[in-house]
Amino acid sequence: MSRGLFITFEGIDGAGKSSHLAAFEQWLRARGHDVVLTREPGGSELAEALRELILHRPMDALTETLLVFAARRDHLVTAVEPAPTASPTRPSPTRAVGAASTSTCWRSSSAGCTRSVSPT
């Protein structure tokens, strides 16, 4: 039995991740792959609830960043890691799971976070 793949699509909002993902899904299915789509933030019940907060509630940049990482963690432990050994291919339009430093830099700089998150 071969192990499934978890594939991520990287890009800023509006870059076309979802459009490319749809085409990639069709390409994989045409070649006989079992495909499960997921997304980030989202992809699990809790992560979807956090996504709604992130997208529709005003908040400061650090709060948003922490909620994105909370959603990512829940998605990882409830949807990605439990996949069976012969899991399907799972494309996801996301900043790569596990690429914490990249996401932290992107989120914090685009939202105006400072380098320090400890109270001073």
PDB file of N, CA and C in Angstrom:
ATOM      1  N   MET A   1       0.820  -1.183   0.000  1.00  0.00           N
ATOM      2  CA  MET A   1       0.000   0.000   0.000  1.00  0.00           C
ATOM      3  C   MET A   1       0.867   1.249   0.000  1.00  0.00           C
ATOM      4  N   SER A   2       0.523   2.191  -0.840  1.00  0.00           N
ATOM      5  CA  SER A   2       1.290   3.428  -0.855  1.00  0.00           C
ATOM      6  C   SER A   2       0.634   4.459   0.047  1.00  0.00           C
ATOM      7  N   ARG A   3       1.445   5.331   0.554  1.00  0.00           N
ATOM      8  CA  ARG A   3       0.958   6.399   1.430  1.00  0.00           C
ATOM      9  C   ARG A   3       0.387   7.522   0.577  1.00  0.00           C
ATOM     10  N   GLY A   4      -0.691   8.130   1.050  1.00  0.00           N
ATOM     11  CA  GLY A   4      -1.308   9.240   0.339  1.00  0.00           C
ATOM     12  C   GLY A   4      -0.454  10.487   0.389  1.00  0.00           C
ATOM     13  N   LEU A   5      -0.863  11.498  -0.320  1.00  0.00           N
ATOM     14  CA  LEU A   5      -0.141  12.762  -0.382  1.00  0.00           C
ATOM     15  C   LEU A   5      -0.991  13.873   0.211  1.00  0.00           C
ATOM     16  N   PHE A   6      -0.322  14.846   0.828  1.00  0.00           N
ATOM     17  CA  PHE A   6      -0.978  16.079   1.241  1.00  0.00           C
ATOM     18  C   PHE A   6      -0.289  17.181   0.461  1.00  0.00           C
ATOM     19  N   ILE A   7      -1.034  17.819  -0.435  1.00  0.00           N
ATOM     20  CA  ILE A   7      -0.467  18.806  -1.345  1.00  0.00           C
ATOM     21  C   ILE A   7      -1.070  20.163  -1.014  1.00  0.00           C
ATOM     22  N   THR A   8      -0.237  21.181  -0.947  1.00  0.00           N
ATOM     23  CA  THR A   8      -0.741  22.518  -0.649  1.00  0.00           C
ATOM     24  C   THR A   8      -0.498  23.454  -1.824  1.00  0.00           C
ATOM     25  N   PHE A   9      -1.379  24.412  -1.959  1.00  0.00           N
ATOM     26  CA  PHE A   9      -1.246  25.470  -2.949  1.00  0.00           C
ATOM     27  C   PHE A   9      -0.988  26.754  -2.182  1.00  0.00           C
ATOM     28  N   GLU A  10       0.074  27.429  -2.511  1.00  0.00           N
ATOM     29  CA  GLU A  10       0.503  28.634  -1.803  1.00  0.00           C
ATOM     30  C   GLU A  10       0.171  29.875  -2.619  1.00  0.00           C
ATOM     31  N   GLY A  11      -0.256  30.930  -1.927  1.00  0.00           N
ATOM     32  CA  GLY A  11      -0.481  32.187  -2.619  1.00  0.00           C
ATOM     33  C   GLY A  11      -1.289  33.152  -1.782  1.00  0.00           C
ATOM     34  N   ILE A  12      -1.208  34.412  -2.134  1.00  0.00           N
ATOM     35  CA  ILE A  12      -1.949  35.442  -1.415  1.00  0.00           C
ATOM     36  C   ILE A  12      -3.433  35.368  -1.801  1.00  0.00           C
ATOM     37  N   ASP A  13      -4.267  36.071  -1.041  1.00  0.00           N
ATOM     38  CA  ASP A  13      -5.692  36.111  -1.327  1.00  0.00           C
ATOM     39  C   ASP A  13      -5.917  36.612  -2.752  1.00  0.00           C
ATOM     40  N   GLY A  14      -6.775  35.899  -3.484  1.00  0.00           N
ATOM     41  CA  GLY A  14      -7.104  36.307  -4.842  1.00  0.00           C
ATOM     42  C   GLY A  14      -6.115  35.872  -5.909  1.00  0.00           C
ATOM     43  N   ALA A  15      -5.116  35.064  -5.529  1.00  0.00           N
ATOM     44  CA  ALA A  15      -4.083  34.658  -6.490  1.00  0.00           C
ATOM     45  C   ALA A  15      -4.542  33.539  -7.425  1.00  0.00           C
ATOM     46  N   GLY A  16      -5.674  32.900  -7.112  1.00  0.00           N
ATOM     47  CA  GLY A  16      -6.174  31.830  -7.969  1.00  0.00           C
ATOM     48  C   GLY A  16      -5.942  30.434  -7.432  1.00  0.00           C
ATOM     49  N   LYS A  17      -5.669  30.315  -6.142  1.00  0.00           N
ATOM     50  CA  LYS A  17      -5.420  28.985  -5.555  1.00  0.00           C
ATOM     51  C   LYS A  17      -6.604  28.050  -5.780  1.00  0.00           C
ATOM     52  N   SER A  18      -7.809  28.532  -5.490  1.00  0.00           N
ATOM     53  CA  SER A  18      -8.995  27.682  -5.623  1.00  0.00           C
ATOM     54  C   SER A  18      -9.242  27.277  -7.069  1.00  0.00           C
ATOM     55  N   SER A  19      -9.015  28.188  -8.012  1.00  0.00           N
ATOM     56  CA  SER A  19      -9.185  27.868  -9.436  1.00  0.00           C
ATOM     57  C   SER A  19      -8.176  26.811  -9.884  1.00  0.00           C
ATOM     58  N   HIS A  20      -6.928  26.992  -9.491  1.00  0.00           N
ATOM     59  CA  HIS A  20      -5.904  26.004  -9.842  1.00  0.00           C
ATOM     60  C   HIS A  20      -6.179  24.672  -9.159  1.00  0.00           C
ATOM     61  N   LEU A  21      -6.657  24.741  -7.938  1.00  0.00           N
ATOM     62  CA  LEU A  21      -6.967  23.524  -7.193  1.00  0.00           C
ATOM     63  C   LEU A  21      -8.054  22.719  -7.893  1.00  0.00           C
ATOM     64  N   ALA A  22      -9.085  23.384  -8.385  1.00  0.00           N
ATOM     65  CA  ALA A  22     -10.171  22.691  -9.089  1.00  0.00           C
ATOM     66  C   ALA A  22      -9.640  21.980 -10.333  1.00  0.00           C
ATOM     67  N   ALA A  23      -8.780  22.644 -11.086  1.00  0.00           N
ATOM     68  CA  ALA A  23      -8.193  22.031 -12.280  1.00  0.00           C
ATOM     69  C   ALA A  23      -7.292  20.861 -11.903  1.00  0.00           C
ATOM     70  N   PHE A  24      -6.526  21.029 -10.840  1.00  0.00           N
ATOM     71  CA  PHE A  24      -5.633  19.963 -10.383  1.00  0.00           C
ATOM     72  C   PHE A  24      -6.434  18.755  -9.899  1.00  0.00           C
ATOM     73  N   GLU A  25      -7.530  19.016  -9.193  1.00  0.00           N
ATOM     74  CA  GLU A  25      -8.389  17.924  -8.738  1.00  0.00           C
ATOM     75  C   GLU A  25      -8.903  17.115  -9.935  1.00  0.00           C
ATOM     76  N   GLN A  26      -9.388  17.801 -10.967  1.00  0.00           N
ATOM     77  CA  GLN A  26      -9.873  17.106 -12.163  1.00  0.00           C
ATOM     78  C   GLN A  26      -8.763  16.287 -12.807  1.00  0.00           C
ATOM     79  N   TRP A  27      -7.568  16.860 -12.864  1.00  0.00           N
ATOM     80  CA  TRP A  27      -6.425  16.172 -13.462  1.00  0.00           C
ATOM     81  C   TRP A  27      -6.102  14.894 -12.679  1.00  0.00           C
ATOM     82  N   LEU A  28      -6.092  15.000 -11.348  1.00  0.00           N
ATOM     83  CA  LEU A  28      -5.812  13.823 -10.513  1.00  0.00           C
ATOM     84  C   LEU A  28      -6.885  12.756 -10.667  1.00  0.00           C
ATOM     85  N   ARG A  29      -8.154  13.168 -10.613  1.00  0.00           N
ATOM     86  CA  ARG A  29      -9.256  12.211 -10.742  1.00  0.00           C
ATOM     87  C   ARG A  29      -9.228  11.505 -12.091  1.00  0.00           C
ATOM     88  N   ALA A  30      -8.878  12.246 -13.157  1.00  0.00           N
ATOM     89  CA  ALA A  30      -8.795  11.659 -14.495  1.00  0.00           C
ATOM     90  C   ALA A  30      -7.730  10.575 -14.560  1.00  0.00           C
ATOM     91  N   ARG A  31      -6.781  10.609 -13.642  1.00  0.00           N
ATOM     92  CA  ARG A  31      -5.712   9.616 -13.595  1.00  0.00           C
ATOM     93  C   ARG A  31      -5.951   8.563 -12.515  1.00  0.00           C
ATOM     94  N   GLY A  32      -7.195   8.514 -11.988  1.00  0.00           N
ATOM     95  CA  GLY A  32      -7.578   7.454 -11.068  1.00  0.00           C
ATOM     96  C   GLY A  32      -7.279   7.692  -9.603  1.00  0.00           C
ATOM     97  N   HIS A  33      -6.919   8.907  -9.220  1.00  0.00           N
ATOM     98  CA  HIS A  33      -6.629   9.196  -7.815  1.00  0.00           C
ATOM     99  C   HIS A  33      -7.905   9.463  -7.037  1.00  0.00           C
ATOM    100  N   ASP A  34      -7.936   8.989  -5.812  1.00  0.00           N
ATOM    101  CA  ASP A  34      -8.995   9.329  -4.870  1.00  0.00           C
ATOM    102  C   ASP A  34      -8.589  10.643  -4.224  1.00  0.00           C
ATOM    103  N   VAL A  35      -9.405  11.681  -4.364  1.00  0.00           N
ATOM    104  CA  VAL A  35      -9.021  13.023  -3.931  1.00  0.00           C
ATOM    105  C   VAL A  35      -9.989  13.521  -2.868  1.00  0.00           C
ATOM    106  N   VAL A  36      -9.439  14.053  -1.788  1.00  0.00           N
ATOM    107  CA  VAL A  36     -10.215  14.724  -0.751  1.00  0.00           C
ATOM    108  C   VAL A  36      -9.715  16.157  -0.675  1.00  0.00           C
ATOM    109  N   LEU A  37     -10.615  17.120  -0.893  1.00  0.00           N
ATOM    110  CA  LEU A  37     -10.228  18.529  -0.825  1.00  0.00           C
ATOM    111  C   LEU A  37     -10.415  19.047   0.593  1.00  0.00           C
ATOM    112  N   THR A  38      -9.540  19.918   0.988  1.00  0.00           N
ATOM    113  CA  THR A  38      -9.625  20.560   2.286  1.00  0.00           C
ATOM    114  C   THR A  38      -9.146  21.987   2.114  1.00  0.00           C
ATOM    115  N   ARG A  39      -9.280  22.796   3.142  1.00  0.00           N
ATOM    116  CA  ARG A  39      -8.825  24.180   3.021  1.00  0.00           C
ATOM    117  C   ARG A  39      -8.349  24.697   4.361  1.00  0.00           C
ATOM    118  N   GLU A  40      -7.648  25.808   4.284  1.00  0.00           N
ATOM    119  CA  GLU A  40      -7.120  26.447   5.481  1.00  0.00           C
ATOM    120  C   GLU A  40      -7.224  27.952   5.343  1.00  0.00           C
ATOM    121  N   PRO A  41      -7.625  28.720   6.319  1.00  0.00           N
ATOM    122  CA  PRO A  41      -8.147  28.150   7.557  1.00  0.00           C
ATOM    123  C   PRO A  41      -9.473  27.459   7.283  1.00  0.00           C
ATOM    124  N   GLY A  42      -9.705  26.406   7.963  1.00  0.00           N
ATOM    125  CA  GLY A  42     -10.882  25.572   7.785  1.00  0.00           C
ATOM    126  C   GLY A  42     -10.472  24.124   7.693  1.00  0.00           C
ATOM    127  N   GLY A  43     -11.335  23.303   7.145  1.00  0.00           N
ATOM    128  CA  GLY A  43     -11.011  21.900   6.949  1.00  0.00           C
ATOM    129  C   GLY A  43     -11.434  20.989   8.085  1.00  0.00           C
ATOM    130  N   SER A  44     -11.906  21.550   9.187  1.00  0.00           N
ATOM    131  CA  SER A  44     -12.453  20.777  10.306  1.00  0.00           C
ATOM    132  C   SER A  44     -13.562  21.639  10.922  1.00  0.00           C
ATOM    133  N   GLU A  45     -14.376  21.042  11.758  1.00  0.00           N
ATOM    134  CA  GLU A  45     -15.496  21.786  12.334  1.00  0.00           C
ATOM    135  C   GLU A  45     -15.026  23.025  13.106  1.00  0.00           C
ATOM    136  N   LEU A  46     -14.067  22.846  14.000  1.00  0.00           N
ATOM    137  CA  LEU A  46     -13.562  23.973  14.771  1.00  0.00           C
ATOM    138  C   LEU A  46     -12.862  24.996  13.875  1.00  0.00           C
ATOM    139  N   ALA A  47     -12.043  24.513  12.957  1.00  0.00           N
ATOM    140  CA  ALA A  47     -11.309  25.422  12.069  1.00  0.00           C
ATOM    141  C   ALA A  47     -12.257  26.235  11.185  1.00  0.00           C
ATOM    142  N   GLU A  48     -13.376  25.649  10.773  1.00  0.00           N
ATOM    143  CA  GLU A  48     -14.358  26.401   9.986  1.00  0.00           C
ATOM    144  C   GLU A  48     -14.993  27.504  10.831  1.00  0.00           C
ATOM    145  N   ALA A  49     -15.273  27.212  12.105  1.00  0.00           N
ATOM    146  CA  ALA A  49     -15.823  28.235  12.996  1.00  0.00           C
ATOM    147  C   ALA A  49     -14.817  29.373  13.189  1.00  0.00           C
ATOM    148  N   LEU A  50     -13.543  29.023  13.368  1.00  0.00           N
ATOM    149  CA  LEU A  50     -12.501  30.047  13.502  1.00  0.00           C
ATOM    150  C   LEU A  50     -12.361  30.845  12.214  1.00  0.00           C
ATOM    151  N   ARG A  51     -12.502  30.185  11.072  1.00  0.00           N
ATOM    152  CA  ARG A  51     -12.440  30.869   9.773  1.00  0.00           C
ATOM    153  C   ARG A  51     -13.503  31.968   9.696  1.00  0.00           C
ATOM    154  N   GLU A  52     -14.709  31.651  10.142  1.00  0.00           N
ATOM    155  CA  GLU A  52     -15.789  32.642  10.127  1.00  0.00           C
ATOM    156  C   GLU A  52     -15.419  33.867  10.968  1.00  0.00           C
ATOM    157  N   LEU A  53     -14.839  33.622  12.136  1.00  0.00           N
ATOM    158  CA  LEU A  53     -14.396  34.741  12.975  1.00  0.00           C
ATOM    159  C   LEU A  53     -13.322  35.566  12.271  1.00  0.00           C
ATOM    160  N   ILE A  54     -12.344  34.873  11.711  1.00  0.00           N
ATOM    161  CA  ILE A  54     -11.224  35.542  11.048  1.00  0.00           C
ATOM    162  C   ILE A  54     -11.718  36.412   9.886  1.00  0.00           C
ATOM    163  N   LEU A  55     -12.654  35.896   9.122  1.00  0.00           N
ATOM    164  CA  LEU A  55     -13.112  36.605   7.927  1.00  0.00           C
ATOM    165  C   LEU A  55     -14.134  37.707   8.209  1.00  0.00           C
ATOM    166  N   HIS A  56     -14.883  37.570   9.315  1.00  0.00           N
ATOM    167  CA  HIS A  56     -16.037  38.470   9.483  1.00  0.00           C
ATOM    168  C   HIS A  56     -16.061  39.280  10.771  1.00  0.00           C
ATOM    169  N   ARG A  57     -15.080  39.125  11.627  1.00  0.00           N
ATOM    170  CA  ARG A  57     -15.033  39.904  12.860  1.00  0.00           C
ATOM    171  C   ARG A  57     -13.790  40.766  12.879  1.00  0.00           C
ATOM    172  N   PRO A  58     -13.938  42.041  13.197  1.00  0.00           N
ATOM    173  CA  PRO A  58     -12.739  42.871  13.308  1.00  0.00           C
ATOM    174  C   PRO A  58     -11.893  42.438  14.505  1.00  0.00           C
ATOM    175  N   MET A  59     -10.599  42.428  14.327  1.00  0.00           N
ATOM    176  CA  MET A  59      -9.678  42.047  15.403  1.00  0.00           C
ATOM    177  C   MET A  59      -8.300  42.583  15.085  1.00  0.00           C
ATOM    178  N   ASP A  60      -7.457  42.629  16.105  1.00  0.00           N
ATOM    179  CA  ASP A  60      -6.094  43.095  15.860  1.00  0.00           C
ATOM    180  C   ASP A  60      -5.294  41.992  15.166  1.00  0.00           C
ATOM    181  N   ALA A  61      -4.166  42.385  14.612  1.00  0.00           N
ATOM    182  CA  ALA A  61      -3.360  41.492  13.786  1.00  0.00           C
ATOM    183  C   ALA A  61      -2.850  40.271  14.544  1.00  0.00           C
ATOM    184  N   LEU A  62      -2.435  40.442  15.779  1.00  0.00           N
ATOM    185  CA  LEU A  62      -1.931  39.303  16.538  1.00  0.00           C
ATOM    186  C   LEU A  62      -3.040  38.306  16.834  1.00  0.00           C
ATOM    187  N   THR A  63      -4.220  38.784  17.198  1.00  0.00           N
ATOM    188  CA  THR A  63      -5.345  37.882  17.447  1.00  0.00           C
ATOM    189  C   THR A  63      -5.663  37.076  16.187  1.00  0.00           C
ATOM    190  N   GLU A  64      -5.686  37.755  15.041  1.00  0.00           N
ATOM    191  CA  GLU A  64      -5.951  37.056  13.783  1.00  0.00           C
ATOM    192  C   GLU A  64      -4.900  35.985  13.511  1.00  0.00           C
ATOM    193  N   THR A  65      -3.646  36.330  13.693  1.00  0.00           N
ATOM    194  CA  THR A  65      -2.562  35.372  13.459  1.00  0.00           C
ATOM    195  C   THR A  65      -2.698  34.154  14.360  1.00  0.00           C
ATOM    196  N   LEU A  66      -2.995  34.384  15.638  1.00  0.00           N
ATOM    197  CA  LEU A  66      -3.137  33.266  16.572  1.00  0.00           C
ATOM    198  C   LEU A  66      -4.339  32.397  16.230  1.00  0.00           C
ATOM    199  N   LEU A  67      -5.430  32.997  15.788  1.00  0.00           N
ATOM    200  CA  LEU A  67      -6.603  32.210  15.382  1.00  0.00           C
ATOM    201  C   LEU A  67      -6.311  31.378  14.139  1.00  0.00           C
ATOM    202  N   VAL A  68      -5.544  31.947  13.197  1.00  0.00           N
ATOM    203  CA  VAL A  68      -5.159  31.181  12.007  1.00  0.00           C
ATOM    204  C   VAL A  68      -4.345  29.957  12.419  1.00  0.00           C
ATOM    205  N   PHE A  69      -3.413  30.133  13.352  1.00  0.00           N
ATOM    206  CA  PHE A  69      -2.605  28.991  13.794  1.00  0.00           C
ATOM    207  C   PHE A  69      -3.425  27.991  14.605  1.00  0.00           C
ATOM    208  N   ALA A  70      -4.401  28.456  15.361  1.00  0.00           N
ATOM    209  CA  ALA A  70      -5.294  27.537  16.080  1.00  0.00           C
ATOM    210  C   ALA A  70      -6.109  26.724  15.081  1.00  0.00           C
ATOM    211  N   ALA A  71      -6.628  27.377  14.047  1.00  0.00           N
ATOM    212  CA  ALA A  71      -7.384  26.667  13.017  1.00  0.00           C
ATOM    213  C   ALA A  71      -6.491  25.666  12.289  1.00  0.00           C
ATOM    214  N   ARG A  72      -5.259  26.068  11.999  1.00  0.00           N
ATOM    215  CA  ARG A  72      -4.309  25.171  11.326  1.00  0.00           C
ATOM    216  C   ARG A  72      -4.034  23.930  12.173  1.00  0.00           C
ATOM    217  N   ARG A  73      -3.801  24.133  13.457  1.00  0.00           N
ATOM    218  CA  ARG A  73      -3.509  23.001  14.342  1.00  0.00           C
ATOM    219  C   ARG A  73      -4.683  22.030  14.399  1.00  0.00           C
ATOM    220  N   ASP A  74      -5.907  22.561  14.550  1.00  0.00           N
ATOM    221  CA  ASP A  74      -7.067  21.679  14.611  1.00  0.00           C
ATOM    222  C   ASP A  74      -7.249  20.926  13.296  1.00  0.00           C
ATOM    223  N   HIS A  75      -7.070  21.605  12.186  1.00  0.00           N
ATOM    224  CA  HIS A  75      -7.165  20.968  10.867  1.00  0.00           C
ATOM    225  C   HIS A  75      -6.144  19.840  10.743  1.00  0.00           C
ATOM    226  N   LEU A  76      -4.939  20.095  11.203  1.00  0.00           N
ATOM    227  CA  LEU A  76      -3.876  19.106  11.131  1.00  0.00           C
ATOM    228  C   LEU A  76      -4.206  17.867  11.960  1.00  0.00           C
ATOM    229  N   VAL A  77      -4.628  18.058  13.215  1.00  0.00           N
ATOM    230  CA  VAL A  77      -4.839  16.900  14.091  1.00  0.00           C
ATOM    231  C   VAL A  77      -6.167  16.192  13.858  1.00  0.00           C
ATOM    232  N   THR A  78      -7.157  16.870  13.256  1.00  0.00           N
ATOM    233  CA  THR A  78      -8.439  16.200  13.048  1.00  0.00           C
ATOM    234  C   THR A  78      -8.670  15.737  11.612  1.00  0.00           C
ATOM    235  N   ALA A  79      -7.998  16.338  10.640  1.00  0.00           N
ATOM    236  CA  ALA A  79      -8.251  15.983   9.244  1.00  0.00           C
ATOM    237  C   ALA A  79      -7.051  15.396   8.515  1.00  0.00           C
ATOM    238  N   VAL A  80      -5.855  15.859   8.817  1.00  0.00           N
ATOM    239  CA  VAL A  80      -4.686  15.433   8.050  1.00  0.00           C
ATOM    240  C   VAL A  80      -3.990  14.242   8.699  1.00  0.00           C
ATOM    241  N   GLU A  81      -3.584  14.374   9.955  1.00  0.00           N
ATOM    242  CA  GLU A  81      -2.832  13.302  10.617  1.00  0.00           C
ATOM    243  C   GLU A  81      -3.610  11.997  10.757  1.00  0.00           C
ATOM    244  N   PRO A  82      -4.927  12.015  11.028  1.00  0.00           N
ATOM    245  CA  PRO A  82      -5.652  10.748  11.191  1.00  0.00           C
ATOM    246  C   PRO A  82      -5.883   9.975   9.898  1.00  0.00           C
ATOM    247  N   ALA A  83      -5.503  10.527   8.761  1.00  0.00           N
ATOM    248  CA  ALA A  83      -5.740   9.849   7.485  1.00  0.00           C
ATOM    249  C   ALA A  83      -5.088   8.472   7.502  1.00  0.00           C
ATOM    250  N   PRO A  84      -5.778   7.460   6.949  1.00  0.00           N
ATOM    251  CA  PRO A  84      -5.196   6.115   6.912  1.00  0.00           C
ATOM    252  C   PRO A  84      -3.929   6.064   6.072  1.00  0.00           C
ATOM    253  N   THR A  85      -3.164   5.015   6.259  1.00  0.00           N
ATOM    254  CA  THR A  85      -1.897   4.867   5.539  1.00  0.00           C
ATOM    255  C   THR A  85      -2.095   4.957   4.035  1.00  0.00           C
ATOM    256  N   ALA A  86      -3.117   4.315   3.526  1.00  0.00           N
ATOM    257  CA  ALA A  86      -3.406   4.377   2.096  1.00  0.00           C
ATOM    258  C   ALA A  86      -4.384   5.520   1.835  1.00  0.00           C
ATOM    259  N   SER A  87      -4.051   6.668   2.358  1.00  0.00           N
ATOM    260  CA  SER A  87      -4.972   7.804   2.281  1.00  0.00           C
ATOM    261  C   SER A  87      -5.057   8.357   0.868  1.00  0.00           C
ATOM    262  N   PRO A  88      -6.135   9.048   0.596  1.00  0.00           N
ATOM    263  CA  PRO A  88      -6.259   9.691  -0.707  1.00  0.00           C
ATOM    264  C   PRO A  88      -5.328  10.894  -0.812  1.00  0.00           C
ATOM    265  N   THR A  89      -5.208  11.395  -2.016  1.00  0.00           N
ATOM    266  CA  THR A  89      -4.479  12.629  -2.238  1.00  0.00           C
ATOM    267  C   THR A  89      -5.334  13.766  -1.698  1.00  0.00           C
ATOM    268  N   ARG A  90      -4.727  14.685  -0.936  1.00  0.00           N
ATOM    269  CA  ARG A  90      -5.472  15.761  -0.298  1.00  0.00           C
ATOM    270  C   ARG A  90      -4.915  17.127  -0.684  1.00  0.00           C
ATOM    271  N   PRO A  91      -5.340  17.665  -1.821  1.00  0.00           N
ATOM    272  CA  PRO A  91      -4.892  19.011  -2.149  1.00  0.00           C
ATOM    273  C   PRO A  91      -5.586  20.044  -1.265  1.00  0.00           C
ATOM    274  N   SER A  92      -4.890  21.094  -0.914  1.00  0.00           N
ATOM    275  CA  SER A  92      -5.441  22.117  -0.041  1.00  0.00           C
ATOM    276  C   SER A  92      -4.951  23.499  -0.462  1.00  0.00           C
ATOM    277  N   PRO A  93      -5.878  24.466  -0.665  1.00  0.00           N
ATOM    278  CA  PRO A  93      -5.429  25.811  -0.976  1.00  0.00           C
ATOM    279  C   PRO A  93      -5.029  26.518   0.304  1.00  0.00           C
ATOM    280  N   THR A  94      -3.775  26.514   0.593  1.00  0.00           N
ATOM    281  CA  THR A  94      -3.318  26.978   1.898  1.00  0.00           C
ATOM    282  C   THR A  94      -1.888  27.423   1.844  1.00  0.00           C
ATOM    283  N   ARG A  95      -1.475  28.158   2.833  1.00  0.00           N
ATOM    284  CA  ARG A  95      -0.053  28.310   3.066  1.00  0.00           C
ATOM    285  C   ARG A  95       0.356  27.000   3.723  1.00  0.00           C
ATOM    286  N   ALA A  96       1.435  26.415   3.348  1.00  0.00           N
ATOM    287  CA  ALA A  96       1.767  25.036   3.682  1.00  0.00           C
ATOM    288  C   ALA A  96       1.671  24.739   5.171  1.00  0.00           C
ATOM    289  N   VAL A  97       0.988  23.643   5.506  1.00  0.00           N
ATOM    290  CA  VAL A  97       0.913  23.197   6.894  1.00  0.00           C
ATOM    291  C   VAL A  97       2.330  22.902   7.356  1.00  0.00           C
ATOM    292  N   GLY A  98       2.688  23.419   8.502  1.00  0.00           N
ATOM    293  CA  GLY A  98       4.029  23.220   9.025  1.00  0.00           C
ATOM    294  C   GLY A  98       4.990  24.339   8.653  1.00  0.00           C
ATOM    295  N   ALA A  99       4.588  25.202   7.744  1.00  0.00           N
ATOM    296  CA  ALA A  99       5.466  26.305   7.368  1.00  0.00           C
ATOM    297  C   ALA A  99       5.160  27.500   8.255  1.00  0.00           C
ATOM    298  N   ALA A 100       5.333  27.300   9.542  1.00  0.00           N
ATOM    299  CA  ALA A 100       4.930  28.313  10.523  1.00  0.00           C
ATOM    300  C   ALA A 100       5.681  29.619  10.347  1.00  0.00           C
ATOM    301  N   SER A 101       6.966  29.554  10.077  1.00  0.00           N
ATOM    302  CA  SER A 101       7.722  30.800   9.978  1.00  0.00           C
ATOM    303  C   SER A 101       7.280  31.625   8.783  1.00  0.00           C
ATOM    304  N   THR A 102       7.003  30.983   7.646  1.00  0.00           N
ATOM    305  CA  THR A 102       6.531  31.705   6.472  1.00  0.00           C
ATOM    306  C   THR A 102       5.198  32.372   6.759  1.00  0.00           C
ATOM    307  N   SER A 103       4.259  31.619   7.326  1.00  0.00           N
ATOM    308  CA  SER A 103       2.943  32.171   7.613  1.00  0.00           C
ATOM    309  C   SER A 103       3.020  33.283   8.643  1.00  0.00           C
ATOM    310  N   THR A 104       3.851  33.095   9.653  1.00  0.00           N
ATOM    311  CA  THR A 104       3.982  34.122  10.677  1.00  0.00           C
ATOM    312  C   THR A 104       4.506  35.409  10.061  1.00  0.00           C
ATOM    313  N   CYS A 105       5.527  35.307   9.216  1.00  0.00           N
ATOM    314  CA  CYS A 105       6.081  36.497   8.564  1.00  0.00           C
ATOM    315  C   CYS A 105       5.041  37.161   7.681  1.00  0.00           C
ATOM    316  N   TRP A 106       4.347  36.373   6.862  1.00  0.00           N
ATOM    317  CA  TRP A 106       3.371  36.932   5.947  1.00  0.00           C
ATOM    318  C   TRP A 106       2.240  37.591   6.712  1.00  0.00           C
ATOM    319  N   ARG A 107       1.659  36.875   7.667  1.00  0.00           N
ATOM    320  CA  ARG A 107       0.523  37.405   8.419  1.00  0.00           C
ATOM    321  C   ARG A 107       0.923  38.621   9.238  1.00  0.00           C
ATOM    322  N   SER A 108       2.028  38.509   9.944  1.00  0.00           N
ATOM    323  CA  SER A 108       2.385  39.606  10.842  1.00  0.00           C
ATOM    324  C   SER A 108       2.795  40.861  10.077  1.00  0.00           C
ATOM    325  N   SER A 109       3.532  40.706   8.993  1.00  0.00           N
ATOM    326  CA  SER A 109       3.960  41.900   8.261  1.00  0.00           C
ATOM    327  C   SER A 109       2.798  42.527   7.502  1.00  0.00           C
ATOM    328  N   SER A 110       1.912  41.713   6.942  1.00  0.00           N
ATOM    329  CA  SER A 110       0.803  42.280   6.181  1.00  0.00           C
ATOM    330  C   SER A 110      -0.233  42.919   7.091  1.00  0.00           C
ATOM    331  N   ALA A 111      -0.298  42.460   8.344  1.00  0.00           N
ATOM    332  CA  ALA A 111      -1.300  42.992   9.266  1.00  0.00           C
ATOM    333  C   ALA A 111      -0.731  44.011  10.242  1.00  0.00           C
ATOM    334  N   GLY A 112       0.573  44.218  10.216  1.00  0.00           N
ATOM    335  CA  GLY A 112       1.178  45.234  11.064  1.00  0.00           C
ATOM    336  C   GLY A 112       1.565  44.772  12.453  1.00  0.00           C
ATOM    337  N   CYS A 113       1.750  43.478  12.670  1.00  0.00           N
ATOM    338  CA  CYS A 113       2.191  42.991  13.975  1.00  0.00           C
ATOM    339  C   CYS A 113       3.635  43.446  14.220  1.00  0.00           C
ATOM    340  N   THR A 114       3.968  43.581  15.484  1.00  0.00           N
ATOM    341  CA  THR A 114       5.359  43.834  15.829  1.00  0.00           C
ATOM    342  C   THR A 114       6.065  42.495  15.988  1.00  0.00           C
ATOM    343  N   ARG A 115       7.371  42.511  16.096  1.00  0.00           N
ATOM    344  CA  ARG A 115       8.135  41.272  16.240  1.00  0.00           C
ATOM    345  C   ARG A 115       7.860  40.574  17.555  1.00  0.00           C
ATOM    346  N   SER A 116       7.628  41.321  18.610  1.00  0.00           N
ATOM    347  CA  SER A 116       7.440  40.741  19.931  1.00  0.00           C
ATOM    348  C   SER A 116       5.962  40.479  20.209  1.00  0.00           C
ATOM    349  N   VAL A 117       5.673  39.319  20.778  1.00  0.00           N
ATOM    350  CA  VAL A 117       4.292  39.024  21.160  1.00  0.00           C
ATOM    351  C   VAL A 117       4.150  38.963  22.677  1.00  0.00           C
ATOM    352  N   SER A 118       5.244  39.223  23.397  1.00  0.00           N
ATOM    353  CA  SER A 118       5.171  39.218  24.850  1.00  0.00           C
ATOM    354  C   SER A 118       4.821  40.619  25.352  1.00  0.00           C
ATOM    355  N   PRO A 119       4.046  40.704  26.419  1.00  0.00           N
ATOM    356  CA  PRO A 119       3.690  42.031  26.930  1.00  0.00           C
ATOM    357  C   PRO A 119       4.913  42.759  27.462  1.00  0.00           C
ATOM    358  N   THR A 120       4.987  44.052  27.208  1.00  0.00           N
ATOM    359  CA  THR A 120       6.114  44.855  27.709  1.00  0.00           C
ATOM    360  C   THR A 120       5.608  46.052  28.466  1.00  0.00           C
TER     361      THR A 120
END
